[in-house]
Protein backbone atom coordinates (compact mmCIF):
# COMPACT_ATOMS: atom_id res chain seq x y z
CA MET A 1 -21.75 9.90 -50.81
CA GLU A 2 -23.27 12.56 -53.06
CA GLN A 3 -21.98 15.35 -50.83
CA ILE A 4 -18.51 13.85 -50.92
CA THR A 5 -18.71 13.57 -54.73
CA ILE A 6 -19.84 17.19 -55.04
CA PHE A 7 -17.05 18.29 -52.69
CA ILE A 8 -14.44 16.44 -54.77
CA GLU A 9 -15.79 17.91 -58.03
CA THR A 10 -15.63 21.46 -56.66
CA ILE A 11 -11.99 21.13 -55.56
CA THR A 12 -9.61 23.00 -57.82
CA THR A 13 -6.11 21.90 -58.70
CA VAL A 14 -4.60 24.44 -56.28
CA GLN A 15 -6.86 23.26 -53.48
CA ALA A 16 -5.96 19.65 -54.24
CA ILE A 17 -2.28 20.53 -53.92
CA ASP A 18 -2.98 22.31 -50.61
CA ILE A 19 -4.82 19.26 -49.31
CA LEU A 20 -1.89 17.03 -50.27
CA ILE A 21 0.48 19.42 -48.49
CA ALA A 22 -1.74 19.32 -45.38
CA ILE A 23 -1.75 15.50 -45.50
CA GLY A 24 2.04 15.66 -45.88
CA ILE A 25 2.27 17.83 -42.76
CA ILE A 26 0.13 15.36 -40.81
CA LEU A 27 2.18 12.37 -42.02
CA PHE A 28 5.44 14.20 -41.32
CA PHE A 29 4.56 14.79 -37.68
CA ARG A 30 3.11 11.29 -37.39
CA ILE A 31 6.26 9.63 -38.77
CA PHE A 32 8.76 11.76 -36.86
CA SER A 33 6.79 12.06 -33.60
CA SER A 34 8.98 9.40 -32.00
CA SER A 35 12.17 11.14 -33.10
CA PHE A 36 10.98 14.55 -31.90
CA SER A 37 9.99 13.08 -28.53
CA TYR A 38 13.33 11.31 -28.23
CA ILE A 39 15.28 14.50 -29.00
CA ILE A 40 13.35 16.63 -26.51
CA ILE A 41 13.71 14.10 -23.66
CA ARG A 42 17.39 13.62 -24.58
CA MET A 43 17.90 17.38 -24.15
CA PHE A 44 16.67 17.18 -20.56
CA LYS A 45 18.51 13.94 -19.83
CA ILE A 46 21.99 14.78 -21.03
CA LYS A 47 23.64 12.16 -18.83
CA GLU A 48 21.31 9.40 -20.00
CA ASN A 49 22.91 7.43 -22.86
CA LYS A 50 20.58 4.43 -23.03
CA SER A 51 17.87 4.91 -25.65
CA LYS A 52 15.67 2.32 -23.93
CA ARG A 53 15.58 4.36 -20.69
CA ILE A 54 14.72 7.49 -22.69
CA ARG A 55 11.83 5.72 -24.44
CA GLU A 56 10.62 4.47 -21.05
CA SER A 57 10.37 8.06 -19.82
CA ALA A 58 6.97 9.17 -18.53
CA PHE A 59 6.76 11.96 -21.13
CA TYR A 60 7.83 9.91 -24.16
CA ASN A 61 4.35 8.68 -25.18
CA PRO A 62 2.57 11.95 -24.23
CA LEU A 63 5.03 13.87 -26.43
CA LYS A 64 4.35 11.48 -29.31
CA ILE A 65 0.62 12.11 -28.95
CA PHE A 66 1.26 15.86 -28.77
CA PHE A 67 3.24 15.91 -32.03
CA VAL A 68 0.64 13.78 -33.82
CA ILE A 69 -2.16 16.14 -32.66
CA LEU A 70 0.03 19.12 -33.55
CA GLY A 71 0.39 17.75 -37.07
CA PHE A 72 -3.39 17.45 -37.44
CA TYR A 73 -3.93 20.95 -36.07
CA LEU A 74 -1.28 22.55 -38.34
CA GLY A 75 -2.75 20.70 -41.31
CA ILE A 76 -6.22 22.14 -40.54
CA VAL A 77 -4.72 25.62 -40.04
CA PHE A 78 -2.96 25.33 -43.39
CA LEU A 79 -6.26 24.43 -45.09
CA LYS A 80 -8.19 27.32 -43.50
CA ALA A 81 -7.65 29.75 -46.35
CA PRO A 82 -7.68 27.34 -49.33
CA LEU A 83 -10.88 25.59 -48.22
CA ASN A 84 -12.48 28.67 -46.61
CA LEU A 85 -12.93 26.84 -43.31
CA THR A 86 -15.27 28.66 -40.94
CA ASP A 87 -14.25 30.08 -37.58
CA ASP A 88 -16.42 27.47 -35.87
CA ILE A 89 -14.43 24.64 -37.42
CA MET A 90 -11.15 26.31 -36.47
CA PHE A 91 -12.46 26.89 -32.93
CA VAL A 92 -13.37 23.21 -32.55
CA ALA A 93 -9.97 22.16 -33.92
CA TYR A 94 -8.17 24.49 -31.52
CA LYS A 95 -10.18 23.30 -28.51
CA ALA A 96 -9.60 19.65 -29.45
CA PHE A 97 -5.86 20.35 -29.74
CA ILE A 98 -5.77 22.01 -26.29
CA ILE A 99 -7.87 19.32 -24.58
CA ILE A 100 -5.98 16.32 -25.98
CA SER A 101 -2.62 17.98 -25.29
CA THR A 102 -3.66 18.78 -21.71
CA ILE A 103 -4.78 15.19 -21.05
CA ALA A 104 -1.57 13.80 -22.60
CA PHE A 105 0.74 16.01 -20.56
CA ALA A 106 -1.29 15.42 -17.37
CA LYS A 107 -0.87 11.69 -17.95
CA GLY A 108 2.88 12.12 -18.45
CA LEU A 109 3.27 14.32 -15.38
CA ALA A 110 1.22 11.94 -13.22
CA THR A 111 3.24 8.96 -14.46
CA SER A 112 6.40 10.80 -13.36
CA PHE A 113 5.22 10.39 -9.78
CA THR A 114 4.89 6.60 -9.86
CA PRO A 115 7.35 4.10 -8.35
CA LYS A 116 8.48 3.02 -11.83
CA SER A 117 9.70 6.49 -12.90
CA SER A 118 13.26 7.82 -12.61
CA LEU A 119 11.93 11.00 -10.98
CA TYR A 120 10.50 8.85 -8.18
CA GLU A 121 13.95 7.38 -7.50
CA LYS A 122 15.58 10.82 -7.43
CA ILE A 123 12.97 12.26 -5.08
CA LYS A 124 13.24 9.18 -2.88
CA GLU A 125 17.02 9.59 -2.61
CA LYS A 126 16.72 13.24 -1.57
CA THR A 127 13.85 12.64 0.85
CA SER A 128 14.54 12.29 4.55
CA LYS A 129 15.03 8.69 5.63
CA ASN A 130 12.53 9.28 8.43
CA VAL A 131 9.73 9.32 5.85
CA GLU A 132 8.21 5.83 5.58
CA ASP A 133 7.67 4.28 2.13
CA SER A 134 3.92 4.10 2.72
CA MET A 135 3.80 7.80 3.66
CA PHE A 136 5.92 8.69 0.63
CA ASP A 137 3.65 6.69 -1.71
CA PHE A 138 0.57 8.32 -0.16
CA ILE A 139 1.98 11.80 -0.88
CA LEU A 140 2.73 10.84 -4.48
CA LYS A 141 -0.82 9.51 -4.90
CA LEU A 142 -2.12 12.83 -3.61
CA ILE A 143 0.09 14.71 -6.10
CA ARG A 144 -1.24 12.58 -8.97
CA VAL A 145 -4.83 13.28 -7.91
CA LEU A 146 -4.11 17.03 -7.81
CA ILE A 147 -2.55 16.87 -11.29
CA TYR A 148 -5.66 15.23 -12.74
CA ILE A 149 -7.93 17.70 -10.91
CA ILE A 150 -6.03 20.68 -12.37
CA ALA A 151 -6.09 19.07 -15.82
CA GLY A 152 -9.83 18.51 -15.42
CA PHE A 153 -10.38 22.23 -14.68
CA ILE A 154 -8.31 23.17 -17.74
CA VAL A 155 -10.40 20.86 -19.92
CA ILE A 156 -13.64 22.25 -18.46
CA THR A 157 -12.43 25.80 -19.17
CA ALA A 158 -11.43 24.83 -22.72
CA LEU A 159 -14.90 23.41 -23.31
CA GLY A 160 -16.34 26.80 -22.39
CA ILE A 161 -18.20 25.61 -19.31
CA ASN A 162 -18.79 28.40 -16.79
CA LEU A 163 -17.01 27.40 -13.60
CA ASN A 164 -19.09 29.83 -11.56
CA GLY A 165 -22.23 28.01 -12.59
CA LEU A 166 -20.53 24.70 -11.94
CA VAL A 167 -19.50 25.78 -8.44
CA ALA A 168 -23.04 27.00 -7.76
CA GLY A 169 -24.39 23.66 -8.95
CA LEU A 170 -21.94 21.86 -6.70
CA GLY A 171 -23.17 24.00 -3.83
CA ILE A 172 -26.71 22.76 -4.40
CA GLY A 173 -25.64 19.18 -4.89
CA GLY A 174 -22.98 19.38 -2.21
CA VAL A 175 -25.40 18.48 0.54
CA ILE A 176 -26.52 15.37 -1.34
CA LEU A 177 -22.93 14.38 -2.14
CA THR A 178 -21.85 15.00 1.44
CA LEU A 179 -24.61 12.79 2.82
CA ALA A 180 -23.92 10.10 0.24
CA ALA A 181 -20.15 10.17 0.74
CA GLN A 182 -19.95 10.40 4.52
CA ASP A 183 -18.29 7.02 4.86
CA THR A 184 -15.86 7.79 2.03
CA ALA A 185 -14.91 11.11 3.62
CA LYS A 186 -14.40 9.41 6.99
CA ASN A 187 -12.14 6.81 5.39
CA LEU A 188 -10.12 9.52 3.59
CA PHE A 189 -9.51 11.50 6.77
CA ALA A 190 -8.84 8.28 8.67
CA GLY A 191 -6.31 7.31 6.00
CA LEU A 192 -4.53 10.63 6.53
CA VAL A 193 -4.49 9.96 10.28
CA VAL A 194 -3.00 6.51 9.68
CA PHE A 195 -0.20 8.03 7.61
CA LEU A 196 0.54 10.79 10.12
CA ASP A 197 0.33 8.58 13.20
CA LYS A 198 2.11 5.67 11.46
CA PRO A 199 0.90 2.79 13.67
CA PHE A 200 2.10 0.48 10.89
CA VAL A 201 3.67 0.52 7.44
CA VAL A 202 3.53 -1.77 4.42
CA GLY A 203 5.03 -5.13 5.32
CA ASP A 204 4.12 -5.03 9.03
CA TRP A 205 2.29 -7.88 10.73
CA ILE A 206 -0.75 -6.34 12.42
CA GLN A 207 -3.95 -7.39 14.15
CA VAL A 208 -7.10 -5.24 13.92
CA ASP A 209 -10.18 -6.65 15.63
CA LYS A 210 -10.63 -10.15 14.19
CA PHE A 211 -8.29 -9.56 11.23
CA GLU A 212 -4.62 -10.47 11.40
CA GLY A 213 -1.99 -10.55 8.69
CA THR A 214 0.60 -8.60 6.69
CA VAL A 215 -0.09 -5.11 5.38
CA GLU A 216 0.19 -5.09 1.56
CA ASP A 217 -1.01 -1.59 0.71
CA ILE A 218 -2.45 1.56 2.27
CA THR A 219 -4.80 3.56 0.05
CA PHE A 220 -6.95 6.65 0.53
CA ARG A 221 -9.96 4.58 1.53
CA SER A 222 -8.73 1.31 3.00
CA THR A 223 -5.81 -0.81 4.09
CA ARG A 224 -5.21 -4.16 2.39
CA VAL A 225 -4.13 -6.98 4.70
CA ARG A 226 -3.01 -10.43 3.56
CA THR A 227 -4.19 -12.88 6.23
CA PHE A 228 -2.35 -16.06 7.19
CA GLU A 229 -5.04 -18.02 5.31
CA ASN A 230 -3.75 -16.14 2.20
CA SER A 231 -6.99 -14.22 1.77
CA LEU A 232 -6.96 -10.47 1.10
CA VAL A 233 -8.97 -8.23 3.43
CA ASN A 234 -9.74 -4.56 2.68
CA ILE A 235 -10.25 -2.85 6.03
CA PRO A 236 -11.77 0.66 5.84
CA ASN A 237 -9.45 3.24 7.36
CA ALA A 238 -12.30 4.58 9.49
CA ILE A 239 -12.43 1.23 11.31
CA ILE A 240 -8.65 1.15 11.73
CA SER A 241 -8.50 4.68 13.17
CA ASN A 242 -11.08 3.76 15.83
CA ALA A 243 -9.78 0.28 16.63
CA SER A 244 -7.00 -1.02 18.85
CA ILE A 245 -4.13 -2.03 16.59
CA ILE A 246 -1.58 -4.65 17.59
CA ASN A 247 1.60 -4.31 15.54
CA TRP A 248 3.42 -7.59 16.09
CA SER A 249 6.30 -6.45 13.88
CA LYS A 250 7.26 -3.81 16.47
CA MET A 251 7.98 -6.40 19.15
CA GLU A 252 11.50 -6.17 20.55
CA LYS A 253 11.18 -9.42 22.50
CA ARG A 254 8.71 -12.24 23.15
CA ARG A 255 7.73 -13.76 26.48
CA TYR A 256 8.03 -17.43 27.30
CA ARG A 257 5.75 -18.39 30.17
CA THR A 258 4.60 -21.69 31.62
CA ASN A 259 3.13 -22.86 34.92
CA LEU A 260 4.05 -26.35 36.12
CA CYS A 261 2.02 -28.18 38.75
CA ILE A 262 4.30 -30.60 40.61
CA GLU A 263 3.07 -33.45 42.81
CA LEU A 264 2.30 -32.50 46.43
CA ASP A 265 4.55 -35.17 47.93
CA THR A 266 7.64 -33.92 46.11
CA PRO A 267 10.46 -33.22 48.62
CA LEU A 268 11.32 -29.55 48.93
CA GLU A 269 15.00 -30.32 48.28
CA LYS A 270 14.09 -31.78 44.90
CA LEU A 271 11.87 -28.83 44.17
CA GLU A 272 14.67 -26.39 44.98
CA LYS A 273 17.17 -28.33 42.86
CA PHE A 274 14.69 -28.44 39.95
CA LYS A 275 14.21 -24.67 40.12
CA GLN A 276 17.96 -24.06 40.13
CA ARG A 277 18.60 -26.36 37.16
CA VAL A 278 15.84 -24.71 35.10
CA GLU A 279 17.23 -21.26 35.89
CA ASP A 280 20.78 -22.35 34.95
CA MET A 281 19.47 -23.87 31.72
CA LEU A 282 17.74 -20.63 30.72
CA GLN A 283 20.81 -18.53 31.51
CA THR A 284 22.95 -20.59 29.13
CA ARG A 285 20.62 -19.89 26.18
CA GLU A 286 21.78 -17.10 23.85
CA ALA A 287 18.24 -16.14 22.82
CA ILE A 288 17.11 -15.52 26.41
CA TYR A 289 17.58 -12.22 28.25
CA ASP A 290 19.29 -13.19 31.53
CA ASP A 291 17.75 -10.37 33.55
CA SER A 292 14.24 -11.51 32.57
CA ILE A 293 14.44 -15.04 33.98
CA VAL A 294 11.91 -15.89 36.68
CA VAL A 295 11.67 -19.38 38.22
CA LYS A 296 9.59 -19.26 41.40
CA PHE A 297 7.59 -21.55 43.68
CA ASP A 298 4.41 -19.68 42.86
CA ASN A 299 1.50 -21.36 44.64
CA ILE A 300 0.20 -24.34 46.61
CA THR A 301 -3.02 -25.87 45.33
CA ASP A 302 -5.15 -28.90 46.12
CA ASN A 303 -3.51 -30.74 43.25
CA GLY A 304 0.15 -29.85 43.69
CA LEU A 305 2.95 -27.26 43.89
CA ASN A 306 2.90 -24.58 41.18
CA VAL A 307 6.22 -23.42 39.73
CA LEU A 308 6.15 -20.32 37.50
CA ILE A 309 8.78 -20.19 34.73
CA CYS A 310 8.98 -16.95 32.79
CA SER A 311 11.59 -15.28 30.56
CA TYR A 312 11.93 -13.10 27.45
CA THR A 313 13.56 -14.07 24.17
CA HIS A 314 14.76 -11.92 21.29
CA SER A 315 13.42 -14.50 18.83
CA VAL A 316 10.50 -12.28 17.78
CA ASP A 317 9.83 -14.04 14.49
CA TYR A 318 6.98 -16.46 15.11
CA ASN A 319 8.71 -19.53 13.64
CA SER A 320 11.96 -18.93 15.52
CA TYR A 321 9.98 -18.21 18.69
CA LEU A 322 8.14 -21.54 18.39
CA ALA A 323 11.44 -23.34 17.84
CA GLU A 324 12.95 -21.66 20.93
CA LYS A 325 9.86 -22.44 23.01
CA GLU A 326 9.86 -26.08 21.92
CA ASP A 327 13.52 -26.56 22.82
CA ILE A 328 13.00 -25.03 26.28
CA ASN A 329 10.03 -27.36 26.88
CA TYR A 330 12.12 -30.39 25.91
CA LYS A 331 14.89 -29.41 28.31
CA ILE A 332 12.44 -28.79 31.18
CA MET A 333 10.87 -32.23 30.66
CA LYS A 334 14.35 -33.78 30.62
CA ILE A 335 15.20 -32.13 33.94
CA LEU A 336 11.92 -33.45 35.44
CA GLN A 337 12.76 -36.97 34.30
CA GLU A 338 16.33 -36.81 35.62
CA GLU A 339 15.16 -35.51 38.99
CA LYS A 340 12.33 -38.06 39.03
CA ILE A 341 9.73 -35.41 39.65
CA GLY A 342 6.19 -36.03 38.50
CA LEU A 343 3.60 -33.53 37.35
CA ALA A 344 0.33 -33.39 39.23
CA TYR A 345 -3.02 -33.79 37.56
CA ASP A 346 -6.45 -32.58 38.49
CA THR A 347 -7.89 -35.61 40.32
CA LYS A 348 -11.03 -36.24 42.32
CA THR A 349 -11.88 -39.05 44.72
CA VAL A 350 -15.46 -40.26 44.47
CA TYR A 351 -17.01 -42.24 47.35
CA VAL A 352 -19.98 -44.49 46.43
CA LYS A 353 -22.42 -45.42 49.18
CA ASN A 354 -23.61 -49.04 49.14
CA GLU A 355 -26.76 -49.36 51.33
CA LYS A 356 -26.84 -53.19 51.20
CA MET A 357 -23.34 -53.50 52.50
CA GLY A 358 -23.92 -50.77 55.06
CA ILE A 359 -21.10 -48.70 53.62
């Protein structure tokens, strides 16, 4: 408090006026930072007439921060001569201005490459349709990481840290980091392989080992899968790249297959008529591929006569497939009832020896 009192007492009238002017400069940039940001973005978005869309721009808030920091920096520069500020103070002010501005603009540039930005929509429109959404999002994530890495190097340089010494230090600690981050590195490379190979995309229904569900997101390290129990599983990409992946969403058709065991004493004429009726029934169904229908007297067993019924349906969605399968089963059972054909069961005859009766 005493130092502040002494400082106030030593301020002359001219210096007091200069301080008020510097405060005015700071307040001016603070008050009009929004307007300045709006005007600059409006210059680059001539066709954009909605002020809300302009204020939602990725660079709107970073520009506001820049003008506020610029006001503080200009105010300090203005006070350099009146208050005899040292070069060290000016150096710190300059470095702070550069660092904060770099972080703000890096944030704005990185935000431009997010799904919510208008730039994202424009790039998406001009990108080849062969590029999957998951691959496109992965590339944008990589761009954002590179932006922050470059900004980090600029900040390190502004702080006066020797990059040569930093690189040498990383060389010494690189071995430790490499050993510690082996799994992370494997997952990163595996994630790149997943994107290039494209065994699945976001929204696909996949099965990897014991996990099955819908892909919600693919990140650098892992793939998030929403299981049918509604739980969320993060599967490391290294596991996915080395595992057998079943992509159920890529199915073009599903197979219906059943094996009926008919009673041994069934007349062959009835068996032949049953086969023909089942085949005719399947051919009348719109969801069944006619050239895939198989109804054959497949085998003779101890229990009965096996009839193989097999066909493919384009009802690949699981619910529609179950509905199609159920209706076919109903119609097959109806044909069995109408033809008075019974299904055989696995039976065994047990003979019991009675010593008293001599049997």
